[in-house]
């Protein structure tokens, strides 16, 4: 009898066969996630909060809290996987929870709405961080195929992100919101089936198993831990649902918390604790480590600012597209596909550009790439702010402005996101790499707090559910100009700091 390690690794197109099962699992999971996200803000404004004059404000608060909790959950889910469940069990548990969440969204009930979002939050925490790490585990250290393997995998993410808004948006428009959400749920189930079939066929060999079967079977309150974790995960959903439904300001805004809701205060508290601990780490580090860590923190801060503007695509920009953009080929929900479309088109050319510049010894170092990324984000919003000058008699602007905006911010994303993660691992001392990776992932959670703040500033108050044209145009145009100024100001700061940051990076490019 031969064990898993003695069998030859099954391959497909020169890569571990398991990669392609993870590719399709992630493609369909992202299909479900982005399909739902494309509809979410429009659904809240037109259905959940339809009766409120402050419907935009409520939708912005819930969207912000949901996004923050989705990304924060990955830190907890990743930790549980590392310590107890392993990749396989974590991905299956997360997928089941997310599928349930999408299907509960298809139920026409306001209370069910918050429970559905909570199930997706908890499920994403188990699914998202572990499937990406699983890809890396398929390759041995030093395997030159690893980078191209991740390129294939990330293409799956963007294919899902491109197709989902188009299909779910069409279903939502033609047949009703809940059909769009239902299709997202079917997408998640399809991804789970791909993953489960890979396990059954043995393509993952001995990868992704729990660290210790003994630990899994160890009792906790009289129940085995492998059973207790799913129970606790399900029990966490109603608690998160209550957090999400508490979107109004604490005490009605008449307390020392101002207009902050429970989730806002929760993340500000976490932020303070993290900053204090980072200060302690910097104090303990030697001078060389301290400089590299400082650069890692700056990079994380710049990325948080960028994502804070970028993630407006699922909220404010979708509402702008619905209310103020002349759309004929696609609708407002479907405009969420544009970012992934440009990422698919531009990924290889920009990758080739960096390779070409590296050969010429002119490849910009990381801080300059981050500065360029923020500058492109600023220019993209400046383009949107100019669209008001081309508005027709109904206050509607040409679709071309939105198309150019998405092109520019997608290029900015490719300048920043792919290099950021690898630089965090290069700049962090080995003893705290895992913690710094957690901080990096949490940066996306804090970015959604920026999204919520901007969403509240650009909220349109009206007793009419039909807000269009000039009723909203000036608010959006003024907001986009302000965002452009902040993003360009951030880019200037990054460029000014770049010579110093380059020196502090030492041998890291």
Protein backbone atom coordinates (compact mmCIF):
# COMPACT_ATOMS: atom_id res chain seq x y z
CA UNK A 1 0.00 0.00 0.00
CA UNK A 2 1.42 3.42 -1.01
CA UNK A 3 0.79 6.65 0.85
CA UNK A 4 -0.14 10.00 -0.68
CA UNK A 5 3.44 11.20 -0.72
CA UNK A 6 4.73 8.26 -2.76
CA UNK A 7 2.26 8.71 -5.64
CA UNK A 8 3.28 10.99 -8.53
CA UNK A 9 1.58 14.35 -8.32
CA UNK A 10 -1.24 14.63 -10.91
CA UNK A 11 -0.55 17.51 -13.31
CA UNK A 12 -2.48 19.47 -15.91
CA UNK A 13 -0.87 21.93 -18.34
CA UNK A 14 2.37 21.74 -16.34
CA UNK A 15 0.75 22.64 -13.01
CA UNK A 16 -0.61 20.58 -10.10
CA UNK A 17 -4.06 19.38 -11.15
CA UNK A 18 -5.46 20.66 -7.85
CA UNK A 19 -4.80 24.23 -9.03
CA UNK A 20 -7.58 23.99 -11.61
CA UNK A 21 -10.10 22.68 -9.09
CA UNK A 22 -9.23 25.60 -6.82
CA UNK A 23 -9.40 27.91 -9.87
CA UNK A 24 -13.00 26.93 -10.61
CA UNK A 25 -13.99 26.88 -6.92
CA UNK A 26 -12.71 30.44 -6.49
CA UNK A 27 -14.18 31.57 -9.84
CA UNK A 28 -17.66 30.50 -8.73
CA UNK A 29 -17.19 31.82 -5.19
CA UNK A 30 -16.22 35.23 -6.60
CA UNK A 31 -19.16 34.93 -9.02
CA UNK A 32 -21.47 34.64 -6.01
CA UNK A 33 -19.74 37.41 -4.05
CA UNK A 34 -19.58 40.02 -6.81
CA UNK A 35 -22.98 39.08 -8.23
CA UNK A 36 -24.54 39.80 -4.85
CA UNK A 37 -22.45 42.95 -4.32
CA UNK A 38 -23.58 44.39 -7.67
CA UNK A 39 -27.19 44.30 -6.48
CA UNK A 40 -26.69 45.05 -2.78
CA UNK A 41 -26.72 48.87 -2.60
CA UNK A 42 -29.46 49.22 -5.22
CA UNK A 43 -31.54 46.62 -3.37
CA UNK A 44 -31.13 48.44 -0.05
CA UNK A 45 -32.03 51.82 -1.51
CA UNK A 46 -35.01 50.56 -3.53
CA UNK A 47 -36.38 47.87 -1.21
CA UNK A 48 -35.00 47.56 2.33
CA UNK A 49 -34.89 51.32 3.12
CA UNK A 50 -37.34 52.50 0.46
CA UNK A 51 -39.64 54.20 3.01
CA UNK A 52 -36.83 56.31 4.53
CA UNK A 53 -35.93 59.79 3.37
CA UNK A 54 -32.42 58.92 4.56
CA UNK A 55 -32.29 55.66 2.53
CA UNK A 56 -28.87 56.53 1.03
CA UNK A 57 -27.45 57.17 4.50
CA UNK A 58 -28.79 53.85 5.84
CA UNK A 59 -27.52 51.91 2.80
CA UNK A 60 -24.06 53.50 3.10
CA UNK A 61 -23.86 52.57 6.79
CA UNK A 62 -24.88 48.93 6.23
CA UNK A 63 -22.66 48.51 3.14
CA UNK A 64 -19.68 49.90 5.07
CA UNK A 65 -20.28 47.67 8.10
CA UNK A 66 -20.79 44.60 5.90
CA UNK A 67 -17.59 45.23 3.92
CA UNK A 68 -15.53 45.84 7.05
CA UNK A 69 -16.78 42.67 8.77
CA UNK A 70 -16.30 40.57 5.60
CA UNK A 71 -12.60 41.39 5.48
CA UNK A 72 -12.03 41.32 9.24
CA UNK A 73 -13.51 37.80 9.37
CA UNK A 74 -10.66 36.49 7.21
CA UNK A 75 -8.19 37.06 10.06
CA UNK A 76 -10.27 34.93 12.44
CA UNK A 77 -11.05 32.24 9.83
CA UNK A 78 -7.43 31.99 8.76
CA UNK A 79 -6.31 31.55 12.35
CA UNK A 80 -8.85 28.77 13.03
CA UNK A 81 -7.75 27.00 9.86
CA UNK A 82 -4.05 27.20 10.79
CA UNK A 83 -4.61 25.96 14.32
CA UNK A 84 -7.40 23.41 13.89
CA UNK A 85 -9.45 22.81 10.74
CA UNK A 86 -6.97 22.92 7.86
CA UNK A 87 -7.76 24.33 4.42
CA UNK A 88 -10.20 21.67 3.22
CA UNK A 89 -12.63 21.74 6.15
CA UNK A 90 -12.43 25.54 6.37
CA UNK A 91 -13.25 26.01 2.68
CA UNK A 92 -16.17 23.56 2.82
CA UNK A 93 -17.60 25.18 5.97
CA UNK A 94 -17.16 28.68 4.54
CA UNK A 95 -18.73 27.71 1.23
CA UNK A 96 -21.79 26.18 2.89
CA UNK A 97 -22.31 29.30 5.06
CA UNK A 98 -21.93 31.65 2.07
CA UNK A 99 -24.32 29.61 -0.10
CA UNK A 100 -26.87 29.71 2.71
CA UNK A 101 -26.41 33.45 2.97
CA UNK A 102 -27.06 34.00 -0.73
CA UNK A 103 -30.16 31.81 -0.68
CA UNK A 104 -31.51 33.56 2.44
CA UNK A 105 -31.04 36.86 0.54
CA UNK A 106 -33.52 35.47 -1.98
CA UNK A 107 -36.17 35.48 0.79
CA UNK A 108 -38.29 38.65 0.71
CA UNK A 109 -37.96 39.62 4.35
CA UNK A 110 -36.06 42.50 5.94
CA UNK A 111 -34.92 40.50 9.00
CA UNK A 112 -33.75 37.69 6.72
CA UNK A 113 -31.69 40.30 4.84
CA UNK A 114 -29.39 41.03 7.80
CA UNK A 115 -29.07 37.34 8.70
CA UNK A 116 -28.09 36.60 5.08
CA UNK A 117 -25.33 39.22 5.14
CA UNK A 118 -24.09 37.82 8.46
CA UNK A 119 -23.89 34.27 7.07
CA UNK A 120 -21.84 35.59 4.13
CA UNK A 121 -19.52 37.47 6.54
CA UNK A 122 -18.82 34.34 8.62
CA UNK A 123 -18.54 32.08 5.55
CA UNK A 124 -16.14 34.43 3.78
CA UNK A 125 -13.89 34.35 6.85
CA UNK A 126 -13.42 30.60 6.47
CA UNK A 127 -13.35 30.48 2.65
CA UNK A 128 -11.43 33.47 1.31
CA UNK A 129 -8.07 33.38 3.16
CA UNK A 130 -7.74 29.62 3.00
CA UNK A 131 -8.31 28.95 -0.68
CA UNK A 132 -5.57 31.46 -1.63
CA UNK A 133 -3.16 29.88 0.86
CA UNK A 134 -4.13 26.41 -0.40
CA UNK A 135 -2.90 27.40 -3.88
CA UNK A 136 0.53 28.25 -2.47
CA UNK A 137 0.70 24.92 -0.60
CA UNK A 138 0.40 22.98 -3.87
CA UNK A 139 3.95 24.06 -4.79
CA UNK A 140 7.20 23.23 -3.02
CA UNK A 141 9.47 26.06 -1.85
CA UNK A 142 11.45 27.45 -4.77
CA UNK A 143 9.08 26.00 -7.41
CA UNK A 144 9.35 28.38 -10.36
CA UNK A 145 5.78 27.52 -11.45
CA UNK A 146 4.28 29.17 -8.36
CA UNK A 147 4.01 32.74 -9.74
CA UNK A 148 2.32 31.60 -12.95
CA UNK A 149 0.05 29.34 -10.86
CA UNK A 150 -1.16 32.35 -8.87
CA UNK A 151 -1.60 34.29 -12.12
CA UNK A 152 -3.94 31.55 -13.39
CA UNK A 153 -5.78 31.49 -10.05
CA UNK A 154 -6.29 35.27 -9.95
CA UNK A 155 -7.60 35.19 -13.50
CA UNK A 156 -10.38 32.98 -12.14
CA UNK A 157 -11.20 35.63 -9.53
CA UNK A 158 -11.61 38.29 -12.20
CA UNK A 159 -13.55 36.09 -14.61
CA UNK A 160 -16.05 35.50 -11.79
CA UNK A 161 -16.03 39.21 -10.94
CA UNK A 162 -16.70 40.10 -14.60
CA UNK A 163 -19.44 37.61 -15.46
CA UNK A 164 -21.40 37.76 -12.18
CA UNK A 165 -22.61 41.40 -12.27
CA UNK A 166 -23.69 40.94 -15.89
CA UNK A 167 -25.79 37.83 -15.23
CA UNK A 168 -27.04 38.62 -11.71
CA UNK A 169 -27.72 42.24 -12.73
CA UNK A 170 -29.74 41.08 -15.75
CA UNK A 171 -31.77 38.63 -13.66
CA UNK A 172 -32.36 41.26 -10.99
CA UNK A 173 -33.56 43.78 -13.58
CA UNK A 174 -35.73 41.44 -15.65
CA UNK A 175 -37.22 39.14 -13.00
CA UNK A 176 -36.59 40.68 -9.57
CA UNK A 177 -33.81 41.18 -7.04
CA UNK A 178 -34.23 37.79 -5.44
CA UNK A 179 -33.60 35.91 -8.67
CA UNK A 180 -30.25 37.70 -8.94
CA UNK A 181 -29.38 36.77 -5.36
CA UNK A 182 -30.54 33.20 -6.00
CA UNK A 183 -28.19 32.89 -8.99
CA UNK A 184 -25.34 34.08 -6.76
CA UNK A 185 -26.20 31.24 -4.36
CA UNK A 186 -26.18 28.71 -7.21
CA UNK A 187 -22.74 30.03 -8.19
CA UNK A 188 -21.44 29.40 -4.66
CA UNK A 189 -22.83 25.85 -4.65
CA UNK A 190 -21.19 25.21 -8.03
CA UNK A 191 -17.83 26.31 -6.60
CA UNK A 192 -18.29 23.98 -3.64
CA UNK A 193 -19.08 21.05 -5.93
CA UNK A 194 -15.87 21.66 -7.90
CA UNK A 195 -13.86 21.72 -4.68
CA UNK A 196 -15.57 18.62 -3.25
CA UNK A 197 -15.01 16.68 -6.50
CA UNK A 198 -11.29 17.57 -6.32
CA UNK A 199 -11.14 16.09 -2.80
CA UNK A 200 -12.95 12.93 -3.91
CA UNK A 201 -10.63 12.48 -6.91
CA UNK A 202 -7.54 12.89 -4.70
CA UNK A 203 -6.04 15.71 -6.79
CA UNK A 204 -4.91 17.56 -3.65
CA UNK A 205 -3.00 14.48 -2.44
CA UNK A 206 -2.11 15.13 1.24
CA UNK A 207 -2.42 18.93 1.02
CA UNK A 208 -4.89 21.00 3.03
CA UNK A 209 -5.60 18.45 5.76
CA UNK A 210 -6.16 19.41 9.40
CA UNK A 211 -2.90 19.90 11.35
CA UNK A 212 -3.97 17.27 13.91
CA UNK A 213 -6.84 14.79 13.84
CA UNK A 214 -6.32 14.36 17.57
CA UNK A 215 -6.95 18.08 18.15
CA UNK A 216 -10.08 17.92 15.98
CA UNK A 217 -11.52 15.12 18.10
CA UNK A 218 -10.61 16.75 21.41
CA UNK A 219 -13.79 17.62 23.34
CA UNK A 220 -14.85 21.19 24.03
CA UNK A 221 -17.80 21.56 26.43
CA UNK A 222 -18.50 17.88 25.81
CA UNK A 223 -18.54 18.24 22.00
CA UNK A 224 -15.71 17.41 19.58
CA UNK A 225 -13.96 20.54 18.31
CA UNK A 226 -14.58 19.56 14.66
CA UNK A 227 -18.30 19.75 15.48
CA UNK A 228 -18.08 22.71 17.86
CA UNK A 229 -16.44 25.06 15.31
CA UNK A 230 -19.35 24.84 12.79
CA UNK A 231 -21.84 25.23 15.66
CA UNK A 232 -20.08 28.38 16.88
CA UNK A 233 -19.83 29.68 13.30
CA UNK A 234 -23.59 29.36 12.85
CA UNK A 235 -24.24 30.91 16.28
CA UNK A 236 -22.02 33.87 15.35
CA UNK A 237 -24.30 34.77 12.42
CA UNK A 238 -27.25 36.12 14.51
CA UNK A 239 -24.82 38.22 16.59
CA UNK A 240 -23.31 39.74 13.43
CA UNK A 241 -26.82 40.24 12.03
CA UNK A 242 -27.67 42.36 15.07
CA UNK A 243 -24.45 44.37 14.55
CA UNK A 244 -25.37 44.98 10.91
CA UNK A 245 -28.96 45.94 11.72
CA UNK A 246 -27.68 48.47 14.29
CA UNK A 247 -26.63 50.79 11.48
CA UNK A 248 -27.98 53.95 13.12
CA UNK A 249 -25.80 56.24 15.22
CA UNK A 250 -25.41 55.14 18.85
CA UNK A 251 -27.98 56.98 20.98
CA UNK A 252 -29.43 58.61 17.87
CA UNK A 253 -26.30 60.71 17.39
CA UNK A 254 -26.74 62.62 20.68
CA UNK A 255 -23.89 60.90 22.51
CA UNK A 256 -20.12 61.40 22.57
CA UNK A 257 -19.95 58.91 19.65
CA UNK A 258 -21.60 61.42 17.29
CA UNK A 259 -22.85 59.77 14.09
CA UNK A 260 -20.86 56.57 14.74
CA UNK A 261 -22.69 53.24 14.89
CA UNK A 262 -21.62 50.13 16.80
CA UNK A 263 -19.46 48.71 13.97
CA UNK A 264 -17.69 52.08 13.48
CA UNK A 265 -16.78 52.20 17.18
CA UNK A 266 -15.74 48.52 17.11
CA UNK A 267 -13.26 49.10 14.27
CA UNK A 268 -11.90 52.32 15.74
CA UNK A 269 -11.19 50.44 18.97
CA UNK A 270 -9.44 47.64 17.04
CA UNK A 271 -7.45 50.27 15.15
CA UNK A 272 -6.19 51.89 18.34
CA UNK A 273 -5.19 48.51 19.82
CA UNK A 274 -3.33 47.53 16.62
CA UNK A 275 -1.49 50.88 16.50
CA UNK A 276 -0.40 50.53 20.12
CA UNK A 277 0.85 47.00 19.50
CA UNK A 278 2.67 48.12 16.33
CA UNK A 279 4.32 50.87 18.36
CA UNK A 280 5.52 48.22 20.82
CA UNK A 281 6.84 46.04 17.95
CA UNK A 282 8.72 49.00 16.45
CA UNK A 283 10.20 49.76 19.87
CA UNK A 284 11.41 46.13 20.23
CA UNK A 285 12.86 45.91 16.69
CA UNK A 286 16.49 46.65 15.81
CA UNK A 287 17.18 49.75 13.61
CA UNK A 288 17.24 47.80 10.32
CA UNK A 289 13.98 45.97 11.09
CA UNK A 290 12.39 49.21 12.31
CA UNK A 291 12.97 50.95 8.99
CA UNK A 292 11.59 48.04 6.94
CA UNK A 293 8.57 47.74 9.24
CA UNK A 294 7.90 51.45 8.91
CA UNK A 295 7.80 51.04 5.11
CA UNK A 296 5.44 48.06 5.48
CA UNK A 297 3.11 50.21 7.59
CA UNK A 298 3.22 53.09 5.10
CA UNK A 299 2.44 50.68 2.24
CA UNK A 300 -0.51 49.29 4.21
CA UNK A 301 -1.78 52.82 4.90
CA UNK A 302 -1.51 53.82 1.22
CA UNK A 303 -3.34 50.63 0.21
CA UNK A 304 -6.12 51.34 2.73
CA UNK A 305 -6.64 54.80 1.22
CA UNK A 306 -6.69 53.37 -2.32
CA UNK A 307 -9.21 50.62 -1.45
CA UNK A 308 -11.33 53.19 0.39
CA UNK A 309 -11.80 55.03 -2.92
CA UNK A 310 -11.84 51.91 -5.12
CA UNK A 311 -14.59 50.14 -3.14
CA UNK A 312 -16.98 53.02 -3.77
CA UNK A 313 -17.70 51.14 -6.98
CA UNK A 314 -20.19 48.93 -5.13
CA UNK A 315 -22.00 51.84 -3.45
CA UNK A 316 -21.77 55.51 -4.47
CA UNK A 317 -20.57 54.85 -8.03
CA UNK A 318 -23.33 52.27 -8.59
CA UNK A 319 -25.92 54.81 -7.39
CA UNK A 320 -24.34 57.49 -9.62
CA UNK A 321 -24.53 55.08 -12.59
CA UNK A 322 -28.20 54.38 -11.80
CA UNK A 323 -29.23 58.00 -11.32
CA UNK A 324 -26.95 60.04 -13.57
CA UNK A 325 -25.35 57.95 -16.34
CA UNK A 326 -26.92 57.29 -19.72
CA UNK A 327 -26.83 53.49 -19.81
CA UNK A 328 -28.15 51.55 -22.78
CA UNK A 329 -26.12 48.34 -23.20
CA UNK A 330 -25.80 47.56 -19.47
CA UNK A 331 -27.58 48.70 -16.30
CA UNK A 332 -26.18 50.19 -13.08
CA UNK A 333 -25.64 46.82 -11.34
CA UNK A 334 -23.80 45.50 -14.40
CA UNK A 335 -21.31 48.39 -14.36
CA UNK A 336 -19.67 46.52 -11.47
CA UNK A 337 -18.25 44.15 -14.14
CA UNK A 338 -16.12 46.90 -15.71
CA UNK A 339 -13.30 46.76 -13.14
CA UNK A 340 -12.78 43.00 -13.56
CA UNK A 341 -13.03 43.36 -17.36
CA UNK A 342 -10.16 45.84 -17.39
CA UNK A 343 -8.10 43.76 -14.92
CA UNK A 344 -8.43 40.75 -17.27
CA UNK A 345 -7.44 42.84 -20.29
CA UNK A 346 -4.56 44.72 -18.63
CA UNK A 347 -2.97 42.16 -16.27
CA UNK A 348 -0.63 40.56 -18.83
CA UNK A 349 0.39 43.83 -20.61
CA UNK A 350 1.28 45.52 -17.30
CA UNK A 351 3.13 42.42 -16.10
CA UNK A 352 5.12 42.46 -19.36
CA UNK A 353 5.76 46.19 -18.88
CA UNK A 354 7.41 45.58 -15.48
CA UNK A 355 9.49 42.75 -16.99
CA UNK A 356 10.60 45.01 -19.86
CA UNK A 357 11.50 47.87 -17.50
CA UNK A 358 13.36 45.47 -15.19
CA UNK A 359 15.55 44.34 -18.11
CA UNK A 360 16.28 48.01 -18.84
CA UNK A 361 16.95 48.52 -15.10
CA UNK A 362 14.17 51.14 -15.05
CA UNK A 363 11.51 49.22 -13.11
CA UNK A 364 10.10 51.69 -10.50
CA UNK A 365 10.52 50.66 -6.89
CA UNK A 366 7.42 49.88 -4.86
CA UNK A 367 6.79 53.35 -3.31
CA UNK A 368 6.76 54.97 -6.78
CA UNK A 369 4.31 52.33 -8.04
CA UNK A 370 2.06 53.10 -5.08
CA UNK A 371 2.30 56.82 -5.80
CA UNK A 372 1.33 56.21 -9.43
CA UNK A 373 -1.57 54.02 -8.33
CA UNK A 374 -2.99 56.71 -6.04
CA UNK A 375 -2.45 59.35 -8.74
CA UNK A 376 -4.44 57.23 -11.24
CA UNK A 377 -7.23 56.84 -8.67
CA UNK A 378 -7.31 60.62 -8.27
CA UNK A 379 -7.38 61.23 -12.02
CA UNK A 380 -10.16 58.64 -12.43
CA UNK A 381 -12.42 60.52 -9.99
CA UNK A 382 -11.44 63.84 -11.56
CA UNK A 383 -12.71 62.44 -14.88
CA UNK A 384 -16.05 61.63 -13.21
CA UNK A 385 -16.20 65.13 -11.74
CA UNK A 386 -15.84 66.60 -15.26
CA UNK A 387 -18.80 64.58 -16.53
CA UNK A 388 -21.27 67.16 -15.17
CA UNK A 389 -20.27 69.58 -17.93
CA UNK A 390 -21.61 67.07 -20.49
CA UNK A 391 -24.94 66.41 -18.76
CA UNK A 392 -28.06 66.50 -20.94
CA UNK A 393 -31.35 68.28 -20.15
CA UNK A 394 -32.28 65.41 -17.77
CA UNK A 395 -29.05 65.59 -15.77
CA UNK A 396 -27.65 62.41 -17.34
CA UNK A 397 -23.96 62.15 -18.37
CA UNK A 398 -22.34 60.03 -21.14
CA UNK A 399 -21.34 56.45 -20.26
CA UNK A 400 -17.83 57.13 -21.65
CA UNK A 401 -16.86 59.01 -18.47
CA UNK A 402 -17.64 55.97 -16.31
CA UNK A 403 -15.74 53.70 -18.72
CA UNK A 404 -12.62 55.90 -18.61
CA UNK A 405 -12.87 56.12 -14.80
CA UNK A 406 -12.89 52.32 -14.44
CA UNK A 407 -10.01 51.95 -16.89
CA UNK A 408 -7.80 54.37 -14.94
CA UNK A 409 -8.57 53.01 -11.46
CA UNK A 410 -8.01 49.43 -12.73
CA UNK A 411 -4.54 50.38 -13.97
CA UNK A 412 -3.92 51.95 -10.55
CA UNK A 413 -5.01 48.72 -8.87
CA UNK A 414 -2.54 46.70 -10.95
CA UNK A 415 0.24 49.13 -9.98
CA UNK A 416 -0.43 48.60 -6.26
CA UNK A 417 -2.28 45.44 -5.26
CA UNK A 418 -0.16 42.64 -6.81
CA UNK A 419 3.12 43.97 -5.39
CA UNK A 420 1.85 45.03 -1.98
CA UNK A 421 1.23 41.59 -0.52
CA UNK A 422 4.64 40.23 -1.49
CA UNK A 423 6.39 43.32 -0.12
CA UNK A 424 4.72 42.89 3.29
CA UNK A 425 6.31 39.42 3.56
CA UNK A 426 9.69 40.77 2.39
CA UNK A 427 9.72 43.74 4.78
CA UNK A 428 8.43 42.04 7.94
CA UNK A 429 10.71 40.14 10.38
CA UNK A 430 9.99 36.40 10.15
CA UNK A 431 8.75 36.26 13.74
CA UNK A 432 5.80 38.59 13.00
CA UNK A 433 5.03 37.89 9.32
CA UNK A 434 1.68 36.27 10.18
CA UNK A 435 0.65 39.26 12.29
CA UNK A 436 1.64 41.73 9.56
CA UNK A 437 -0.31 39.71 6.99
CA UNK A 438 -3.30 40.01 9.32
CA UNK A 439 -2.81 43.78 9.47
CA UNK A 440 -2.61 43.85 5.64
CA UNK A 441 -5.92 42.00 5.31
CA UNK A 442 -7.50 44.21 7.98
CA UNK A 443 -6.55 47.25 5.89
CA UNK A 444 -9.39 46.31 3.51
CA UNK A 445 -11.76 46.19 6.48
CA UNK A 446 -10.72 49.70 7.50
CA UNK A 447 -11.02 50.82 3.86
CA UNK A 448 -14.74 50.11 4.09
CA UNK A 449 -14.92 52.55 7.00
CA UNK A 450 -13.64 55.15 4.51
CA UNK A 451 -16.32 53.95 2.04
CA UNK A 452 -18.99 54.42 4.70
CA UNK A 453 -17.79 57.92 5.59
CA UNK A 454 -17.80 59.05 1.95
CA UNK A 455 -21.13 57.31 1.31
CA UNK A 456 -22.72 59.28 4.16
CA UNK A 457 -21.29 62.58 2.82
CA UNK A 458 -22.75 61.89 -0.64
CA UNK A 459 -26.09 60.54 0.59
CA UNK A 460 -29.13 62.12 -1.10
CA UNK A 461 -32.03 62.84 1.26
CA UNK A 462 -35.45 62.76 -0.40
CA UNK A 463 -39.03 61.75 0.37
CA UNK A 464 -39.28 60.47 -3.20
CA UNK A 465 -37.96 57.01 -3.98
CA UNK A 466 -37.23 58.17 -7.53
CA UNK A 467 -34.00 60.21 -7.31
CA UNK A 468 -32.51 61.01 -10.71
CA UNK A 469 -30.94 63.67 -12.87
CA UNK A 470 -30.22 67.09 -11.39
CA UNK A 471 -31.62 66.03 -8.00
CA UNK A 472 -28.41 64.10 -7.41
CA UNK A 473 -25.89 65.27 -10.05
CA UNK A 474 -24.37 68.24 -8.19
CA UNK A 475 -23.87 66.20 -5.00
CA UNK A 476 -22.02 63.44 -6.85
CA UNK A 477 -19.92 65.77 -9.02
CA UNK A 478 -18.80 67.80 -6.01
CA UNK A 479 -18.03 64.60 -4.09
CA UNK A 480 -15.98 63.11 -6.92
CA UNK A 481 -13.94 66.31 -7.21
CA UNK A 482 -13.22 66.21 -3.46
CA UNK A 483 -12.17 62.52 -3.65
CA UNK A 484 -9.88 63.34 -6.59
CA UNK A 485 -8.19 66.07 -4.54
CA UNK A 486 -7.61 63.75 -1.58
CA UNK A 487 -6.27 60.93 -3.79
CA UNK A 488 -3.94 63.26 -5.72
CA UNK A 489 -2.82 64.83 -2.44
CA UNK A 490 -2.05 61.34 -1.14
CA UNK A 491 -0.07 60.60 -4.30
CA UNK A 492 2.02 63.74 -3.81
CA UNK A 493 2.79 62.71 -0.22
CA UNK A 494 3.84 59.23 -1.41
CA UNK A 495 6.13 60.67 -4.10
CA UNK A 496 7.73 63.06 -1.59
CA UNK A 497 8.31 60.19 0.87
CA UNK A 498 9.53 57.74 -1.80
CA UNK A 499 13.28 58.57 -1.70
CA UNK A 500 13.28 58.06 2.09
CA UNK A 501 11.15 54.88 1.87
CA UNK A 502 13.44 53.46 -0.82
CA UNK A 503 16.43 53.87 1.50
CA UNK A 504 14.54 52.29 4.40
CA UNK A 505 13.59 49.29 2.22
CA UNK A 506 17.33 48.52 1.91
CA UNK A 507 17.72 45.43 -0.29
CA UNK A 508 13.96 44.98 -0.96
CA UNK A 509 12.93 46.35 -4.36
